[in-house]
Amino acid sequence: MKKSIIKQMVQQKLQNLSVRELLYYAEAYDFHITKKQAEDIISFLKSTRLDPFNERDRLKMLRKIASVTDKKTAQKVYRLFKSLAKQYGVEYLL
């Protein structure tokens, strides 16, 4: 039960993430994306129901981010996601 609530909260956050927030996170976590790239990523996140806790879905998301930005940025996003999961004590869901 707790697992599904946490997953649902993460999914909701991804669905409601704004371009401004994404640009803030990019700067705060030391990776650069343009406003256009942020818009493309947000558009993708809002149009998909991929589960970031499912390895296959997570890889699809990261491939899309790499296609919009570059491989290095996608790798930084992945490390950020893992770091945040660990920070919030939900790395066991990955």
Protein backbone atom coordinates (compact mmCIF):
# COMPACT_ATOMS: atom_id res chain seq x y z
CA MET A 1 0.00 0.00 0.00
CA LYS A 2 2.74 2.47 0.99
CA LYS A 3 4.64 1.63 -2.22
CA SER A 4 1.73 2.47 -4.46
CA ILE A 5 1.04 5.76 -2.66
CA ILE A 6 4.66 6.85 -3.06
CA LYS A 7 4.68 5.83 -6.71
CA GLN A 8 1.44 7.69 -7.29
CA MET A 9 2.87 10.84 -5.68
CA VAL A 10 5.97 10.70 -7.88
CA GLN A 11 3.84 10.14 -10.99
CA GLN A 12 1.65 13.10 -10.07
CA LYS A 13 4.70 15.32 -9.54
CA LEU A 14 6.08 14.36 -12.95
CA GLN A 15 2.72 15.06 -14.58
CA ASN A 16 2.48 18.49 -12.93
CA LEU A 17 6.10 19.57 -13.28
CA SER A 18 6.45 22.96 -14.96
CA VAL A 19 9.09 24.19 -17.38
CA ARG A 20 10.18 26.71 -14.76
CA GLU A 21 10.61 23.99 -12.11
CA LEU A 22 12.56 21.79 -14.49
CA LEU A 23 14.90 24.65 -15.34
CA TYR A 24 15.34 25.32 -11.62
CA TYR A 25 16.21 21.66 -10.93
CA ALA A 26 18.61 21.60 -13.86
CA GLU A 27 20.50 24.57 -12.48
CA ALA A 28 20.37 23.33 -8.88
CA TYR A 29 21.70 19.89 -9.84
CA ASP A 30 24.36 21.09 -12.26
CA PHE A 31 23.10 20.21 -15.71
CA HIS A 32 22.18 22.60 -18.48
CA ILE A 33 19.07 22.48 -20.61
CA THR A 34 17.56 25.19 -22.75
CA LYS A 35 14.03 26.46 -22.31
CA LYS A 36 13.05 24.66 -25.53
CA GLN A 37 14.52 21.39 -24.24
CA ALA A 38 12.66 21.83 -20.94
CA GLU A 39 9.43 22.46 -22.85
CA ASP A 40 9.97 19.30 -24.92
CA ILE A 41 10.72 17.20 -21.83
CA ILE A 42 7.67 18.54 -19.98
CA SER A 43 5.48 17.90 -23.01
CA PHE A 44 6.75 14.32 -23.13
CA LEU A 45 6.20 13.77 -19.40
CA LYS A 46 2.65 15.09 -19.60
CA SER A 47 1.83 12.92 -22.61
CA THR A 48 3.07 9.62 -21.19
CA ARG A 49 2.18 7.32 -18.35
CA LEU A 50 5.57 5.65 -18.05
CA ASP A 51 6.49 4.50 -14.55
CA PRO A 52 9.88 5.87 -13.45
CA PHE A 53 10.14 3.01 -10.94
CA ASN A 54 9.88 0.40 -13.69
CA GLU A 55 13.33 -0.15 -15.20
CA ARG A 56 12.07 -0.54 -18.77
CA ASP A 57 9.90 2.59 -18.55
CA ARG A 58 12.68 4.55 -16.87
CA LEU A 59 15.04 3.68 -19.72
CA LYS A 60 12.43 4.82 -22.26
CA MET A 61 12.13 8.11 -20.41
CA LEU A 62 15.89 8.57 -20.32
CA ARG A 63 16.22 7.76 -24.02
CA LYS A 64 13.64 10.42 -24.78
CA ILE A 65 15.48 12.94 -22.60
CA ALA A 66 18.73 12.02 -24.40
CA SER A 67 17.04 12.58 -27.77
CA VAL A 68 15.82 16.01 -26.66
CA THR A 69 19.08 17.00 -24.96
CA ASP A 70 22.10 14.69 -25.13
CA LYS A 71 23.35 11.47 -23.57
CA LYS A 72 25.43 13.25 -20.93
CA THR A 73 22.46 15.29 -19.72
CA ALA A 74 20.25 12.18 -19.62
CA GLN A 75 22.88 10.43 -17.49
CA LYS A 76 22.91 13.39 -15.08
CA VAL A 77 19.12 13.27 -14.87
CA TYR A 78 19.32 9.54 -14.08
CA ARG A 79 21.90 10.13 -11.33
CA LEU A 80 19.72 12.92 -9.96
CA PHE A 81 16.68 10.63 -9.90
CA LYS A 82 18.62 7.89 -8.07
CA SER A 83 20.08 10.42 -5.64
CA LEU A 84 16.66 11.89 -4.85
CA ALA A 85 15.19 8.42 -4.41
CA LYS A 86 17.94 7.59 -1.93
CA GLN A 87 17.58 10.95 -0.17
CA TYR A 88 13.86 10.35 0.34
CA GLY A 89 14.31 6.72 1.33
CA VAL A 90 12.55 5.17 -1.66
CA GLU A 91 15.55 3.72 -3.50
CA TYR A 92 14.14 0.26 -2.74
CA LEU A 93 11.46 1.03 -5.33
CA LEU A 94 14.03 1.36 -8.13
